[in-house]
Amino acid sequence: MPIVSNFYGIIIYFFFNEHNPPYFHAKYNEFEALIDIKTLGVSKGKLPSKALSLIVEWASNHQEELMSNWELCRNDKTPNKIAPLN
């Protein structure tokens, strides 16, 4: 489970050999969700609204990097780190 970013207690990660559609995992405390990279909507799971809004803000600034990382993981390669939300 490669972690690509971590901010405000939120952990962003991928698993190797991911399946379509492109998404990333987000975890905050006991909450966890899959976030669609293209729409930035929750495709599975649940997050508090404040955490979700921070994740969407961050992801909207890093969609190209997230897609690139998703492709790397699909090919069993280590994803690149992405700058956290400041």
N, C-alpha and C. Protein backbone atom coordinates (compact mmCIF):
# COMPACT_ATOMS: atom_id res chain seq x y z
N MET A 1 0.85 -1.17 0.00
CA MET A 1 0.00 0.00 0.00
C MET A 1 0.89 1.24 0.00
N PRO A 2 1.32 1.70 -1.14
CA PRO A 2 2.18 2.89 -1.21
C PRO A 2 1.42 4.17 -0.87
N ILE A 3 1.90 4.87 0.14
CA ILE A 3 1.33 6.16 0.53
C ILE A 3 1.96 7.23 -0.35
N VAL A 4 1.12 8.05 -0.99
CA VAL A 4 1.64 9.09 -1.88
C VAL A 4 1.54 10.48 -1.27
N SER A 5 0.67 10.66 -0.27
CA SER A 5 0.58 11.96 0.39
C SER A 5 -0.08 11.79 1.75
N ASN A 6 0.17 12.75 2.62
CA ASN A 6 -0.35 12.71 3.98
C ASN A 6 -0.48 14.15 4.45
N PHE A 7 -1.68 14.57 4.82
CA PHE A 7 -1.90 15.93 5.29
C PHE A 7 -3.11 15.99 6.20
N TYR A 8 -3.03 16.79 7.24
CA TYR A 8 -4.12 17.01 8.20
C TYR A 8 -4.73 15.69 8.70
N GLY A 9 -3.89 14.68 8.89
CA GLY A 9 -4.37 13.39 9.37
C GLY A 9 -4.99 12.53 8.29
N ILE A 10 -4.96 12.98 7.05
CA ILE A 10 -5.52 12.24 5.91
C ILE A 10 -4.37 11.52 5.19
N ILE A 11 -4.58 10.26 4.90
CA ILE A 11 -3.57 9.46 4.20
C ILE A 11 -4.12 9.12 2.82
N ILE A 12 -3.33 9.40 1.79
CA ILE A 12 -3.70 9.11 0.41
C ILE A 12 -2.79 7.99 -0.08
N TYR A 13 -3.38 6.92 -0.60
CA TYR A 13 -2.57 5.79 -1.04
C TYR A 13 -3.23 5.03 -2.18
N PHE A 14 -2.44 4.15 -2.76
CA PHE A 14 -2.87 3.25 -3.83
C PHE A 14 -2.52 1.83 -3.43
N PHE A 15 -3.11 0.87 -4.09
CA PHE A 15 -2.66 -0.51 -4.03
C PHE A 15 -2.09 -0.85 -5.39
N PHE A 16 -1.22 -1.84 -5.44
CA PHE A 16 -0.70 -2.28 -6.72
C PHE A 16 -1.77 -3.05 -7.48
N ASN A 17 -1.67 -3.02 -8.80
CA ASN A 17 -2.58 -3.75 -9.69
C ASN A 17 -4.04 -3.31 -9.51
N GLU A 18 -4.26 -2.00 -9.46
CA GLU A 18 -5.60 -1.45 -9.31
C GLU A 18 -6.46 -1.76 -10.55
N HIS A 19 -7.77 -1.66 -10.40
CA HIS A 19 -8.70 -1.92 -11.50
C HIS A 19 -9.40 -0.62 -11.90
N ASN A 20 -9.98 -0.61 -13.09
CA ASN A 20 -10.74 0.57 -13.56
C ASN A 20 -12.02 0.73 -12.77
N PRO A 21 -12.56 1.92 -12.67
CA PRO A 21 -12.06 3.20 -13.15
C PRO A 21 -10.93 3.71 -12.25
N PRO A 22 -10.13 4.66 -12.72
CA PRO A 22 -9.02 5.18 -11.92
C PRO A 22 -9.50 5.83 -10.62
N TYR A 23 -8.88 5.46 -9.52
CA TYR A 23 -9.25 5.98 -8.21
C TYR A 23 -8.06 5.91 -7.27
N PHE A 24 -8.18 6.58 -6.14
CA PHE A 24 -7.19 6.46 -5.07
C PHE A 24 -7.93 6.22 -3.77
N HIS A 25 -7.20 5.78 -2.78
CA HIS A 25 -7.75 5.51 -1.46
C HIS A 25 -7.45 6.69 -0.55
N ALA A 26 -8.40 7.06 0.27
CA ALA A 26 -8.21 8.12 1.26
C ALA A 26 -8.69 7.60 2.61
N LYS A 27 -7.87 7.83 3.62
CA LYS A 27 -8.22 7.37 4.97
C LYS A 27 -8.07 8.54 5.93
N TYR A 28 -9.07 8.67 6.79
CA TYR A 28 -9.05 9.68 7.84
C TYR A 28 -9.64 9.05 9.10
N ASN A 29 -8.81 8.90 10.13
CA ASN A 29 -9.22 8.19 11.35
C ASN A 29 -9.80 6.83 11.00
N GLU A 30 -11.02 6.53 11.41
CA GLU A 30 -11.62 5.24 11.12
C GLU A 30 -12.38 5.22 9.79
N PHE A 31 -12.39 6.32 9.09
CA PHE A 31 -13.11 6.44 7.82
C PHE A 31 -12.18 6.17 6.64
N GLU A 32 -12.76 5.58 5.60
CA GLU A 32 -11.99 5.29 4.41
C GLU A 32 -12.90 5.33 3.19
N ALA A 33 -12.35 5.80 2.07
CA ALA A 33 -13.14 5.89 0.84
C ALA A 33 -12.25 5.74 -0.38
N LEU A 34 -12.88 5.34 -1.47
CA LEU A 34 -12.24 5.34 -2.78
C LEU A 34 -12.73 6.58 -3.49
N ILE A 35 -11.79 7.36 -4.04
CA ILE A 35 -12.12 8.62 -4.71
C ILE A 35 -11.80 8.47 -6.19
N ASP A 36 -12.79 8.68 -7.03
CA ASP A 36 -12.62 8.62 -8.49
C ASP A 36 -11.72 9.78 -8.91
N ILE A 37 -10.65 9.50 -9.62
CA ILE A 37 -9.69 10.54 -10.01
C ILE A 37 -10.29 11.52 -11.01
N LYS A 38 -11.12 11.06 -11.90
CA LYS A 38 -11.68 11.95 -12.93
C LYS A 38 -12.78 12.86 -12.39
N THR A 39 -13.69 12.31 -11.56
CA THR A 39 -14.81 13.10 -11.07
C THR A 39 -14.58 13.68 -9.67
N LEU A 40 -13.62 13.11 -8.94
CA LEU A 40 -13.32 13.44 -7.55
C LEU A 40 -14.50 13.15 -6.62
N GLY A 41 -15.37 12.26 -7.05
CA GLY A 41 -16.48 11.81 -6.22
C GLY A 41 -16.12 10.54 -5.47
N VAL A 42 -16.82 10.29 -4.39
CA VAL A 42 -16.62 9.05 -3.62
C VAL A 42 -17.30 7.91 -4.36
N SER A 43 -16.52 6.89 -4.70
CA SER A 43 -17.12 5.74 -5.38
C SER A 43 -17.44 4.61 -4.41
N LYS A 44 -16.81 4.63 -3.25
CA LYS A 44 -17.08 3.61 -2.23
C LYS A 44 -16.56 4.12 -0.90
N GLY A 45 -17.30 3.85 0.15
CA GLY A 45 -16.87 4.24 1.48
C GLY A 45 -17.46 5.56 1.92
N LYS A 46 -16.89 6.11 3.01
CA LYS A 46 -17.45 7.33 3.60
C LYS A 46 -16.35 8.09 4.31
N LEU A 47 -16.42 9.41 4.23
CA LEU A 47 -15.50 10.30 4.93
C LEU A 47 -16.30 11.46 5.52
N PRO A 48 -15.83 12.04 6.62
CA PRO A 48 -16.48 13.25 7.13
C PRO A 48 -16.40 14.35 6.07
N SER A 49 -17.39 15.21 6.03
CA SER A 49 -17.47 16.22 4.98
C SER A 49 -16.26 17.15 4.96
N LYS A 50 -15.72 17.53 6.11
CA LYS A 50 -14.55 18.41 6.16
C LYS A 50 -13.34 17.72 5.54
N ALA A 51 -13.11 16.46 5.89
CA ALA A 51 -11.99 15.71 5.33
C ALA A 51 -12.17 15.55 3.83
N LEU A 52 -13.38 15.24 3.39
CA LEU A 52 -13.64 15.07 1.97
C LEU A 52 -13.38 16.37 1.21
N SER A 53 -13.79 17.49 1.76
CA SER A 53 -13.56 18.76 1.06
C SER A 53 -12.07 19.05 0.94
N LEU A 54 -11.27 18.72 1.96
CA LEU A 54 -9.82 18.89 1.87
C LEU A 54 -9.22 17.97 0.81
N ILE A 55 -9.70 16.75 0.75
CA ILE A 55 -9.21 15.78 -0.23
C ILE A 55 -9.53 16.25 -1.64
N VAL A 56 -10.75 16.71 -1.86
CA VAL A 56 -11.16 17.18 -3.20
C VAL A 56 -10.33 18.40 -3.60
N GLU A 57 -10.10 19.32 -2.65
CA GLU A 57 -9.27 20.49 -2.95
C GLU A 57 -7.87 20.06 -3.37
N TRP A 58 -7.27 19.15 -2.60
CA TRP A 58 -5.93 18.65 -2.90
C TRP A 58 -5.91 17.92 -4.24
N ALA A 59 -6.85 17.00 -4.44
CA ALA A 59 -6.87 16.17 -5.65
C ALA A 59 -7.11 16.99 -6.91
N SER A 60 -7.90 18.05 -6.80
CA SER A 60 -8.16 18.87 -7.98
C SER A 60 -6.88 19.55 -8.46
N ASN A 61 -5.94 19.78 -7.57
CA ASN A 61 -4.66 20.37 -7.93
C ASN A 61 -3.63 19.33 -8.41
N HIS A 62 -3.96 18.05 -8.26
CA HIS A 62 -2.98 17.00 -8.56
C HIS A 62 -3.57 15.87 -9.42
N GLN A 63 -4.59 16.15 -10.19
CA GLN A 63 -5.24 15.09 -10.97
C GLN A 63 -4.28 14.40 -11.94
N GLU A 64 -3.43 15.16 -12.62
CA GLU A 64 -2.49 14.54 -13.56
C GLU A 64 -1.52 13.62 -12.84
N GLU A 65 -1.01 14.07 -11.70
CA GLU A 65 -0.09 13.25 -10.91
C GLU A 65 -0.79 12.00 -10.38
N LEU A 66 -2.04 12.14 -9.97
CA LEU A 66 -2.81 10.99 -9.48
C LEU A 66 -3.01 9.97 -10.60
N MET A 67 -3.35 10.44 -11.80
CA MET A 67 -3.53 9.52 -12.93
C MET A 67 -2.22 8.81 -13.25
N SER A 68 -1.14 9.54 -13.24
CA SER A 68 0.17 8.95 -13.50
C SER A 68 0.49 7.88 -12.45
N ASN A 69 0.23 8.18 -11.20
CA ASN A 69 0.47 7.22 -10.12
C ASN A 69 -0.43 6.00 -10.24
N TRP A 70 -1.67 6.23 -10.64
CA TRP A 70 -2.59 5.11 -10.81
C TRP A 70 -2.06 4.16 -11.88
N GLU A 71 -1.57 4.73 -12.99
CA GLU A 71 -0.99 3.92 -14.07
C GLU A 71 0.24 3.15 -13.59
N LEU A 72 1.08 3.81 -12.81
CA LEU A 72 2.25 3.12 -12.27
C LEU A 72 1.83 1.92 -11.42
N CYS A 73 0.86 2.12 -10.54
CA CYS A 73 0.40 1.03 -9.68
C CYS A 73 -0.25 -0.09 -10.49
N ARG A 74 -0.98 0.27 -11.53
CA ARG A 74 -1.59 -0.75 -12.40
C ARG A 74 -0.51 -1.65 -13.00
N ASN A 75 0.67 -1.09 -13.18
CA ASN A 75 1.79 -1.83 -13.77
C ASN A 75 2.79 -2.31 -12.71
N ASP A 76 2.30 -2.40 -11.46
CA ASP A 76 3.12 -2.88 -10.33
C ASP A 76 4.41 -2.09 -10.14
N LYS A 77 4.34 -0.78 -10.38
CA LYS A 77 5.48 0.10 -10.14
C LYS A 77 5.15 1.06 -9.00
N THR A 78 6.16 1.48 -8.31
CA THR A 78 5.98 2.35 -7.16
C THR A 78 5.54 3.75 -7.59
N PRO A 79 4.46 4.26 -7.00
CA PRO A 79 4.00 5.61 -7.37
C PRO A 79 4.91 6.68 -6.76
N ASN A 80 4.82 7.87 -7.32
CA ASN A 80 5.59 9.02 -6.86
C ASN A 80 4.85 9.72 -5.71
N LYS A 81 5.62 10.33 -4.84
CA LYS A 81 5.03 11.14 -3.77
C LYS A 81 4.41 12.39 -4.39
N ILE A 82 3.34 12.88 -3.76
CA ILE A 82 2.67 14.10 -4.21
C ILE A 82 2.65 15.06 -3.02
N ALA A 83 2.95 16.31 -3.29
CA ALA A 83 3.00 17.32 -2.23
C ALA A 83 1.67 17.37 -1.47
N PRO A 84 1.73 17.54 -0.16
CA PRO A 84 0.51 17.62 0.64
C PRO A 84 -0.19 18.96 0.45
N LEU A 85 -1.41 19.02 0.94
CA LEU A 85 -2.17 20.27 0.97
C LEU A 85 -1.56 21.17 2.04
N ASN A 86 -1.32 22.41 1.69
CA ASN A 86 -0.73 23.36 2.66
C ASN A 86 -1.79 24.24 3.26
